[in-house]
């Protein structure tokens, strides 16, 4: 999670891919690389969504056309989900 003023580099710092130079990768990319390298494909599954909550609207960074995704909370279990969000499975 990142919080701060608009234009201060949150997305750049967190999500920069650094395709040409690994030292330029953001913290989320580094963390995901570490998680995937620590899993065994025969027994583990990793599911990833990449969302932004901005001005009370949720945007899906894996499918930019999806904006204002609704939040659903189960009244019995208090489990929170975003049924319209994209999920990538490894």
PDB file of N, CA and C in Angstrom:
ATOM      1  N   UNK A   1       0.840  -1.163   0.000  1.00  0.00           N
ATOM      2  CA  UNK A   1       0.000   0.000   0.000  1.00  0.00           C
ATOM      3  C   UNK A   1       0.896   1.240   0.000  1.00  0.00           C
ATOM      4  N   UNK A   2       0.516   2.211  -0.769  1.00  0.00           N
ATOM      5  CA  UNK A   2       1.256   3.471  -0.813  1.00  0.00           C
ATOM      6  C   UNK A   2       0.284   4.626  -0.634  1.00  0.00           C
ATOM      7  N   UNK A   3       0.733   5.639   0.084  1.00  0.00           N
ATOM      8  CA  UNK A   3      -0.101   6.802   0.334  1.00  0.00           C
ATOM      9  C   UNK A   3       0.756   8.044   0.153  1.00  0.00           C
ATOM     10  N   UNK A   4       0.223   9.062  -0.479  1.00  0.00           N
ATOM     11  CA  UNK A   4       0.963  10.304  -0.629  1.00  0.00           C
ATOM     12  C   UNK A   4       0.317  11.201  -1.658  1.00  0.00           C
ATOM     13  N   UNK A   5       0.884  12.379  -1.801  1.00  0.00           N
ATOM     14  CA  UNK A   5       0.340  13.360  -2.732  1.00  0.00           C
ATOM     15  C   UNK A   5       0.456  12.876  -4.170  1.00  0.00           C
ATOM     16  N   UNK A   6      -0.442  13.374  -5.008  1.00  0.00           N
ATOM     17  CA  UNK A   6      -0.399  13.087  -6.436  1.00  0.00           C
ATOM     18  C   UNK A   6       0.917  13.587  -7.015  1.00  0.00           C
ATOM     19  N   UNK A   7       1.519  12.735  -7.864  1.00  0.00           N
ATOM     20  CA  UNK A   7       2.733  13.142  -8.565  1.00  0.00           C
ATOM     21  C   UNK A   7       4.021  12.945  -7.793  1.00  0.00           C
ATOM     22  N   UNK A   8       3.980  12.223  -6.671  1.00  0.00           N
ATOM     23  CA  UNK A   8       5.200  12.048  -5.878  1.00  0.00           C
ATOM     24  C   UNK A   8       5.956  10.762  -6.201  1.00  0.00           C
ATOM     25  N   UNK A   9       5.471   9.952  -7.148  1.00  0.00           N
ATOM     26  CA  UNK A   9       6.214   8.779  -7.595  1.00  0.00           C
ATOM     27  C   UNK A   9       5.829   7.458  -6.975  1.00  0.00           C
ATOM     28  N   UNK A  10       4.643   7.363  -6.406  1.00  0.00           N
ATOM     29  CA  UNK A  10       4.224   6.105  -5.764  1.00  0.00           C
ATOM     30  C   UNK A  10       4.167   4.955  -6.751  1.00  0.00           C
ATOM     31  N   UNK A  11       3.493   5.145  -7.870  1.00  0.00           N
ATOM     32  CA  UNK A  11       3.367   4.071  -8.863  1.00  0.00           C
ATOM     33  C   UNK A  11       4.726   3.743  -9.455  1.00  0.00           C
ATOM     34  N   UNK A  12       5.528   4.740  -9.719  1.00  0.00           N
ATOM     35  CA  UNK A  12       6.872   4.531 -10.273  1.00  0.00           C
ATOM     36  C   UNK A  12       7.715   3.693  -9.313  1.00  0.00           C
ATOM     37  N   UNK A  13       7.711   4.048  -8.026  1.00  0.00           N
ATOM     38  CA  UNK A  13       8.516   3.350  -7.034  1.00  0.00           C
ATOM     39  C   UNK A  13       8.001   1.936  -6.786  1.00  0.00           C
ATOM     40  N   UNK A  14       6.686   1.779  -6.717  1.00  0.00           N
ATOM     41  CA  UNK A  14       6.109   0.480  -6.399  1.00  0.00           C
ATOM     42  C   UNK A  14       6.108  -0.474  -7.584  1.00  0.00           C
ATOM     43  N   UNK A  15       5.702   0.002  -8.738  1.00  0.00           N
ATOM     44  CA  UNK A  15       5.417  -0.914  -9.830  1.00  0.00           C
ATOM     45  C   UNK A  15       6.328  -0.880 -11.019  1.00  0.00           C
ATOM     46  N   UNK A  16       7.400  -0.096 -10.991  1.00  0.00           N
ATOM     47  CA  UNK A  16       8.287  -0.015 -12.149  1.00  0.00           C
ATOM     48  C   UNK A  16       8.859  -1.391 -12.473  1.00  0.00           C
ATOM     49  N   UNK A  17       8.733  -1.824 -13.732  1.00  0.00           N
ATOM     50  CA  UNK A  17       9.170  -3.154 -14.131  1.00  0.00           C
ATOM     51  C   UNK A  17      10.680  -3.271 -14.250  1.00  0.00           C
ATOM     52  N   UNK A  18      11.365  -2.243 -14.687  1.00  0.00           N
ATOM     53  CA  UNK A  18      12.819  -2.314 -14.827  1.00  0.00           C
ATOM     54  C   UNK A  18      13.258  -3.402 -15.779  1.00  0.00           C
ATOM     55  N   UNK A  19      12.595  -3.504 -16.932  1.00  0.00           N
ATOM     56  CA  UNK A  19      12.894  -4.562 -17.896  1.00  0.00           C
ATOM     57  C   UNK A  19      14.345  -4.518 -18.374  1.00  0.00           C
ATOM     58  N   UNK A  20      14.870  -3.315 -18.577  1.00  0.00           N
ATOM     59  CA  UNK A  20      16.236  -3.179 -19.074  1.00  0.00           C
ATOM     60  C   UNK A  20      17.281  -3.272 -17.969  1.00  0.00           C
ATOM     61  N   UNK A  21      16.932  -2.848 -16.772  1.00  0.00           N
ATOM     62  CA  UNK A  21      17.878  -2.818 -15.664  1.00  0.00           C
ATOM     63  C   UNK A  21      17.165  -3.283 -14.400  1.00  0.00           C
ATOM     64  N   UNK A  22      17.563  -4.448 -13.878  1.00  0.00           N
ATOM     65  CA  UNK A  22      16.893  -5.025 -12.706  1.00  0.00           C
ATOM     66  C   UNK A  22      16.956  -4.104 -11.493  1.00  0.00           C
ATOM     67  N   UNK A  23      17.969  -3.245 -11.395  1.00  0.00           N
ATOM     68  CA  UNK A  23      18.085  -2.350 -10.244  1.00  0.00           C
ATOM     69  C   UNK A  23      17.000  -1.278 -10.249  1.00  0.00           C
ATOM     70  N   UNK A  24      16.292  -1.097 -11.363  1.00  0.00           N
ATOM     71  CA  UNK A  24      15.229  -0.098 -11.457  1.00  0.00           C
ATOM     72  C   UNK A  24      13.859  -0.662 -11.096  1.00  0.00           C
ATOM     73  N   UNK A  25      13.778  -1.940 -10.768  1.00  0.00           N
ATOM     74  CA  UNK A  25      12.485  -2.555 -10.467  1.00  0.00           C
ATOM     75  C   UNK A  25      11.903  -2.009  -9.179  1.00  0.00           C
ATOM     76  N   UNK A  26      10.570  -1.830  -9.181  1.00  0.00           N
ATOM     77  CA  UNK A  26       9.860  -1.349  -7.997  1.00  0.00           C
ATOM     78  C   UNK A  26       9.718  -2.443  -6.950  1.00  0.00           C
ATOM     79  N   UNK A  27       9.313  -2.051  -5.747  1.00  0.00           N
ATOM     80  CA  UNK A  27       9.222  -2.982  -4.625  1.00  0.00           C
ATOM     81  C   UNK A  27       8.198  -4.083  -4.875  1.00  0.00           C
ATOM     82  N   UNK A  28       7.073  -3.777  -5.537  1.00  0.00           N
ATOM     83  CA  UNK A  28       6.077  -4.826  -5.799  1.00  0.00           C
ATOM     84  C   UNK A  28       6.618  -5.863  -6.767  1.00  0.00           C
ATOM     85  N   UNK A  29       7.340  -5.419  -7.792  1.00  0.00           N
ATOM     86  CA  UNK A  29       7.916  -6.346  -8.762  1.00  0.00           C
ATOM     87  C   UNK A  29       8.950  -7.227  -8.072  1.00  0.00           C
ATOM     88  N   UNK A  30       9.788  -6.643  -7.222  1.00  0.00           N
ATOM     89  CA  UNK A  30      10.799  -7.419  -6.499  1.00  0.00           C
ATOM     90  C   UNK A  30      10.151  -8.435  -5.555  1.00  0.00           C
ATOM     91  N   UNK A  31       9.110  -8.010  -4.847  1.00  0.00           N
ATOM     92  CA  UNK A  31       8.426  -8.916  -3.920  1.00  0.00           C
ATOM     93  C   UNK A  31       7.773 -10.075  -4.673  1.00  0.00           C
ATOM     94  N   UNK A  32       7.124  -9.774  -5.791  1.00  0.00           N
ATOM     95  CA  UNK A  32       6.480 -10.822  -6.575  1.00  0.00           C
ATOM     96  C   UNK A  32       7.511 -11.794  -7.144  1.00  0.00           C
ATOM     97  N   UNK A  33       8.644 -11.291  -7.623  1.00  0.00           N
ATOM     98  CA  UNK A  33       9.716 -12.169  -8.104  1.00  0.00           C
ATOM     99  C   UNK A  33      10.169 -13.109  -7.002  1.00  0.00           C
ATOM    100  N   UNK A  34      10.338 -12.569  -5.775  1.00  0.00           N
ATOM    101  CA  UNK A  34      10.781 -13.374  -4.637  1.00  0.00           C
ATOM    102  C   UNK A  34       9.755 -14.447  -4.292  1.00  0.00           C
ATOM    103  N   UNK A  35       8.477 -14.082  -4.307  1.00  0.00           N
ATOM    104  CA  UNK A  35       7.415 -15.052  -4.003  1.00  0.00           C
ATOM    105  C   UNK A  35       7.404 -16.171  -5.040  1.00  0.00           C
ATOM    106  N   UNK A  36       7.456 -15.803  -6.312  1.00  0.00           N
ATOM    107  CA  UNK A  36       7.409 -16.814  -7.372  1.00  0.00           C
ATOM    108  C   UNK A  36       8.631 -17.725  -7.328  1.00  0.00           C
ATOM    109  N   UNK A  37       9.804 -17.163  -7.052  1.00  0.00           N
ATOM    110  CA  UNK A  37      11.016 -17.990  -6.964  1.00  0.00           C
ATOM    111  C   UNK A  37      10.974 -18.931  -5.764  1.00  0.00           C
ATOM    112  N   UNK A  38      10.156 -18.603  -4.757  1.00  0.00           N
ATOM    113  CA  UNK A  38      10.054 -19.425  -3.551  1.00  0.00           C
ATOM    114  C   UNK A  38       8.957 -20.481  -3.637  1.00  0.00           C
ATOM    115  N   UNK A  39       8.254 -20.550  -4.751  1.00  0.00           N
ATOM    116  CA  UNK A  39       7.151 -21.510  -4.884  1.00  0.00           C
ATOM    117  C   UNK A  39       7.575 -22.708  -5.710  1.00  0.00           C
ATOM    118  N   UNK A  40       6.864 -23.785  -5.508  1.00  0.00           N
ATOM    119  CA  UNK A  40       7.065 -25.004  -6.297  1.00  0.00           C
ATOM    120  C   UNK A  40       5.872 -25.142  -7.233  1.00  0.00           C
ATOM    121  N   UNK A  41       6.075 -25.061  -8.555  1.00  0.00           N
ATOM    122  CA  UNK A  41       4.954 -25.105  -9.500  1.00  0.00           C
ATOM    123  C   UNK A  41       4.078 -26.348  -9.367  1.00  0.00           C
ATOM    124  N   UNK A  42       4.658 -27.454  -8.885  1.00  0.00           N
ATOM    125  CA  UNK A  42       3.844 -28.677  -8.768  1.00  0.00           C
ATOM    126  C   UNK A  42       2.881 -28.643  -7.595  1.00  0.00           C
ATOM    127  N   UNK A  43       3.124 -27.772  -6.602  1.00  0.00           N
ATOM    128  CA  UNK A  43       2.263 -27.788  -5.416  1.00  0.00           C
ATOM    129  C   UNK A  43       1.716 -26.421  -5.006  1.00  0.00           C
ATOM    130  N   UNK A  44       2.241 -25.331  -5.560  1.00  0.00           N
ATOM    131  CA  UNK A  44       1.830 -23.993  -5.133  1.00  0.00           C
ATOM    132  C   UNK A  44       1.146 -23.236  -6.264  1.00  0.00           C
ATOM    133  N   UNK A  45       0.255 -22.331  -5.882  1.00  0.00           N
ATOM    134  CA  UNK A  45      -0.410 -21.443  -6.821  1.00  0.00           C
ATOM    135  C   UNK A  45      -0.305 -20.020  -6.282  1.00  0.00           C
ATOM    136  N   UNK A  46      -0.019 -19.077  -7.157  1.00  0.00           N
ATOM    137  CA  UNK A  46       0.029 -17.669  -6.783  1.00  0.00           C
ATOM    138  C   UNK A  46      -1.033 -16.940  -7.594  1.00  0.00           C
ATOM    139  N   UNK A  47      -1.897 -16.187  -6.921  1.00  0.00           N
ATOM    140  CA  UNK A  47      -2.928 -15.397  -7.586  1.00  0.00           C
ATOM    141  C   UNK A  47      -2.659 -13.921  -7.296  1.00  0.00           C
ATOM    142  N   UNK A  48      -2.666 -13.097  -8.351  1.00  0.00           N
ATOM    143  CA  UNK A  48      -2.313 -11.692  -8.202  1.00  0.00           C
ATOM    144  C   UNK A  48      -3.365 -10.798  -8.837  1.00  0.00           C
ATOM    145  N   UNK A  49      -3.739  -9.746  -8.119  1.00  0.00           N
ATOM    146  CA  UNK A  49      -4.542  -8.641  -8.646  1.00  0.00           C
ATOM    147  C   UNK A  49      -3.738  -7.379  -8.379  1.00  0.00           C
ATOM    148  N   UNK A  50      -3.945  -6.362  -9.201  1.00  0.00           N
ATOM    149  CA  UNK A  50      -3.196  -5.111  -9.060  1.00  0.00           C
ATOM    150  C   UNK A  50      -4.206  -3.973  -9.198  1.00  0.00           C
ATOM    151  N   UNK A  51      -4.559  -3.365  -8.051  1.00  0.00           N
ATOM    152  CA  UNK A  51      -5.654  -2.402  -8.010  1.00  0.00           C
ATOM    153  C   UNK A  51      -5.203  -1.076  -7.413  1.00  0.00           C
ATOM    154  N   UNK A  52      -5.912  -0.033  -7.792  1.00  0.00           N
ATOM    155  CA  UNK A  52      -5.681   1.289  -7.220  1.00  0.00           C
ATOM    156  C   UNK A  52      -6.999   1.820  -6.675  1.00  0.00           C
ATOM    157  N   UNK A  53      -6.970   2.277  -5.442  1.00  0.00           N
ATOM    158  CA  UNK A  53      -8.101   2.976  -4.850  1.00  0.00           C
ATOM    159  C   UNK A  53      -7.734   4.452  -4.848  1.00  0.00           C
ATOM    160  N   UNK A  54      -8.474   5.233  -5.623  1.00  0.00           N
ATOM    161  CA  UNK A  54      -8.185   6.656  -5.748  1.00  0.00           C
ATOM    162  C   UNK A  54      -9.498   7.415  -5.817  1.00  0.00           C
ATOM    163  N   UNK A  55      -9.650   8.365  -4.926  1.00  0.00           N
ATOM    164  CA  UNK A  55     -10.863   9.175  -4.859  1.00  0.00           C
ATOM    165  C   UNK A  55     -12.121   8.312  -4.845  1.00  0.00           C
ATOM    166  N   UNK A  56     -12.106   7.300  -3.981  1.00  0.00           N
ATOM    167  CA  UNK A  56     -13.242   6.408  -3.761  1.00  0.00           C
ATOM    168  C   UNK A  56     -13.647   5.598  -4.980  1.00  0.00           C
ATOM    169  N   UNK A  57     -12.723   5.398  -5.907  1.00  0.00           N
ATOM    170  CA  UNK A  57     -12.968   4.579  -7.093  1.00  0.00           C
ATOM    171  C   UNK A  57     -11.829   3.565  -7.216  1.00  0.00           C
ATOM    172  N   UNK A  58     -12.160   2.332  -7.539  1.00  0.00           N
ATOM    173  CA  UNK A  58     -11.149   1.282  -7.677  1.00  0.00           C
ATOM    174  C   UNK A  58     -10.906   1.018  -9.152  1.00  0.00           C
ATOM    175  N   UNK A  59      -9.636   1.096  -9.544  1.00  0.00           N
ATOM    176  CA  UNK A  59      -9.229   0.833 -10.926  1.00  0.00           C
ATOM    177  C   UNK A  59      -8.367  -0.424 -10.951  1.00  0.00           C
ATOM    178  N   UNK A  60      -8.576  -1.241 -11.965  1.00  0.00           N
ATOM    179  CA  UNK A  60      -7.842  -2.483 -12.152  1.00  0.00           C
ATOM    180  C   UNK A  60      -6.655  -2.201 -13.066  1.00  0.00           C
ATOM    181  N   UNK A  61      -5.432  -2.297 -12.543  1.00  0.00           N
ATOM    182  CA  UNK A  61      -4.244  -2.025 -13.352  1.00  0.00           C
ATOM    183  C   UNK A  61      -3.907  -3.170 -14.299  1.00  0.00           C
ATOM    184  N   UNK A  62      -4.550  -4.321 -14.147  1.00  0.00           N
ATOM    185  CA  UNK A  62      -4.351  -5.425 -15.091  1.00  0.00           C
ATOM    186  C   UNK A  62      -5.328  -5.343 -16.255  1.00  0.00           C
ATOM    187  N   UNK A  63      -6.365  -4.554 -16.115  1.00  0.00           N
ATOM    188  CA  UNK A  63      -7.354  -4.315 -17.174  1.00  0.00           C
ATOM    189  C   UNK A  63      -7.827  -2.870 -17.008  1.00  0.00           C
ATOM    190  N   UNK A  64      -7.107  -1.949 -17.609  1.00  0.00           N
ATOM    191  CA  UNK A  64      -7.344  -0.519 -17.379  1.00  0.00           C
ATOM    192  C   UNK A  64      -8.746  -0.057 -17.730  1.00  0.00           C
ATOM    193  N   UNK A  65      -9.454  -0.818 -18.569  1.00  0.00           N
ATOM    194  CA  UNK A  65     -10.823  -0.432 -18.910  1.00  0.00           C
ATOM    195  C   UNK A  65     -11.784  -0.661 -17.735  1.00  0.00           C
ATOM    196  N   UNK A  66     -11.356  -1.439 -16.750  1.00  0.00           N
ATOM    197  CA  UNK A  66     -12.199  -1.704 -15.581  1.00  0.00           C
ATOM    198  C   UNK A  66     -11.966  -0.614 -14.539  1.00  0.00           C
ATOM    199  N   UNK A  67     -12.946   0.262 -14.397  1.00  0.00           N
ATOM    200  CA  UNK A  67     -12.861   1.316 -13.396  1.00  0.00           C
ATOM    201  C   UNK A  67     -14.089   1.241 -12.502  1.00  0.00           C
ATOM    202  N   UNK A  68     -13.958   1.771 -11.323  1.00  0.00           N
ATOM    203  CA  UNK A  68     -15.039   1.790 -10.350  1.00  0.00           C
ATOM    204  C   UNK A  68     -15.579   0.388 -10.051  1.00  0.00           C
ATOM    205  N   UNK A  69     -14.673  -0.532  -9.778  1.00  0.00           N
ATOM    206  CA  UNK A  69     -15.040  -1.911  -9.424  1.00  0.00           C
ATOM    207  C   UNK A  69     -15.729  -1.896  -8.059  1.00  0.00           C
ATOM    208  N   UNK A  70     -16.865  -2.563  -7.917  1.00  0.00           N
ATOM    209  CA  UNK A  70     -17.569  -2.554  -6.627  1.00  0.00           C
ATOM    210  C   UNK A  70     -16.872  -3.433  -5.589  1.00  0.00           C
ATOM    211  N   UNK A  71     -16.987  -3.022  -4.337  1.00  0.00           N
ATOM    212  CA  UNK A  71     -16.478  -3.807  -3.206  1.00  0.00           C
ATOM    213  C   UNK A  71     -17.651  -4.536  -2.585  1.00  0.00           C
ATOM    214  N   UNK A  72     -17.464  -5.824  -2.298  1.00  0.00           N
ATOM    215  CA  UNK A  72     -18.532  -6.623  -1.694  1.00  0.00           C
ATOM    216  C   UNK A  72     -18.038  -7.170  -0.350  1.00  0.00           C
ATOM    217  N   UNK A  73     -18.823  -6.971   0.709  1.00  0.00           N
ATOM    218  CA  UNK A  73     -18.498  -7.534   2.014  1.00  0.00           C
ATOM    219  C   UNK A  73     -19.588  -8.513   2.407  1.00  0.00           C
ATOM    220  N   UNK A  74     -19.198  -9.747   2.702  1.00  0.00           N
ATOM    221  CA  UNK A  74     -20.139 -10.772   3.132  1.00  0.00           C
ATOM    222  C   UNK A  74     -20.560 -10.451   4.573  1.00  0.00           C
ATOM    223  N   UNK A  75     -21.863 -10.228   4.816  1.00  0.00           N
ATOM    224  CA  UNK A  75     -22.314  -9.844   6.164  1.00  0.00           C
ATOM    225  C   UNK A  75     -22.099 -10.940   7.214  1.00  0.00           C
ATOM    226  N   UNK A  76     -22.022 -12.189   6.791  1.00  0.00           N
ATOM    227  CA  UNK A  76     -21.847 -13.286   7.751  1.00  0.00           C
ATOM    228  C   UNK A  76     -20.384 -13.492   8.124  1.00  0.00           C
ATOM    229  N   UNK A  77     -19.483 -13.426   7.145  1.00  0.00           N
ATOM    230  CA  UNK A  77     -18.072 -13.719   7.398  1.00  0.00           C
ATOM    231  C   UNK A  77     -17.194 -12.464   7.449  1.00  0.00           C
ATOM    232  N   UNK A  78     -17.740 -11.325   7.031  1.00  0.00           N
ATOM    233  CA  UNK A  78     -16.998 -10.062   6.910  1.00  0.00           C
ATOM    234  C   UNK A  78     -15.877 -10.147   5.876  1.00  0.00           C
ATOM    235  N   UNK A  79     -15.899 -11.175   5.022  1.00  0.00           N
ATOM    236  CA  UNK A  79     -14.900 -11.301   3.965  1.00  0.00           C
ATOM    237  C   UNK A  79     -15.168 -10.249   2.896  1.00  0.00           C
ATOM    238  N   UNK A  80     -14.114  -9.554   2.504  1.00  0.00           N
ATOM    239  CA  UNK A  80     -14.221  -8.503   1.495  1.00  0.00           C
ATOM    240  C   UNK A  80     -13.690  -9.030   0.176  1.00  0.00           C
ATOM    241  N   UNK A  81     -14.425  -8.771  -0.911  1.00  0.00           N
ATOM    242  CA  UNK A  81     -13.977  -9.207  -2.230  1.00  0.00           C
ATOM    243  C   UNK A  81     -14.307  -8.146  -3.268  1.00  0.00           C
ATOM    244  N   UNK A  82     -13.633  -8.250  -4.392  1.00  0.00           N
ATOM    245  CA  UNK A  82     -13.876  -7.366  -5.533  1.00  0.00           C
ATOM    246  C   UNK A  82     -14.162  -8.273  -6.723  1.00  0.00           C
ATOM    247  N   UNK A  83     -15.409  -8.689  -6.894  1.00  0.00           N
ATOM    248  CA  UNK A  83     -15.746  -9.700  -7.895  1.00  0.00           C
ATOM    249  C   UNK A  83     -15.418  -9.318  -9.337  1.00  0.00           C
ATOM    250  N   UNK A  84     -15.235  -8.046  -9.653  1.00  0.00           N
ATOM    251  CA  UNK A  84     -14.919  -7.659 -11.025  1.00  0.00           C
ATOM    252  C   UNK A  84     -13.438  -7.531 -11.309  1.00  0.00           C
ATOM    253  N   UNK A  85     -12.594  -7.726 -10.302  1.00  0.00           N
ATOM    254  CA  UNK A  85     -11.153  -7.522 -10.468  1.00  0.00           C
ATOM    255  C   UNK A  85     -10.505  -8.657 -11.262  1.00  0.00           C
ATOM    256  N   UNK A  86      -9.512  -8.302 -12.057  1.00  0.00           N
ATOM    257  CA  UNK A  86      -8.745  -9.303 -12.812  1.00  0.00           C
ATOM    258  C   UNK A  86      -7.827 -10.061 -11.854  1.00  0.00           C
ATOM    259  N   UNK A  87      -7.611 -11.335 -12.153  1.00  0.00           N
ATOM    260  CA  UNK A  87      -6.710 -12.172 -11.363  1.00  0.00           C
ATOM    261  C   UNK A  87      -5.808 -12.915 -12.336  1.00  0.00           C
ATOM    262  N   UNK A  88      -4.499 -12.836 -12.086  1.00  0.00           N
ATOM    263  CA  UNK A  88      -3.523 -13.593 -12.862  1.00  0.00           C
ATOM    264  C   UNK A  88      -3.074 -14.748 -11.968  1.00  0.00           C
ATOM    265  N   UNK A  89      -3.071 -15.958 -12.532  1.00  0.00           N
ATOM    266  CA  UNK A  89      -2.710 -17.140 -11.746  1.00  0.00           C
ATOM    267  C   UNK A  89      -1.427 -17.753 -12.301  1.00  0.00           C
ATOM    268  N   UNK A  90      -0.463 -17.998 -11.402  1.00  0.00           N
ATOM    269  CA  UNK A  90       0.765 -18.706 -11.778  1.00  0.00           C
ATOM    270  C   UNK A  90       0.742 -20.075 -11.172  1.00  0.00           C
TER     271      UNK A  90
END
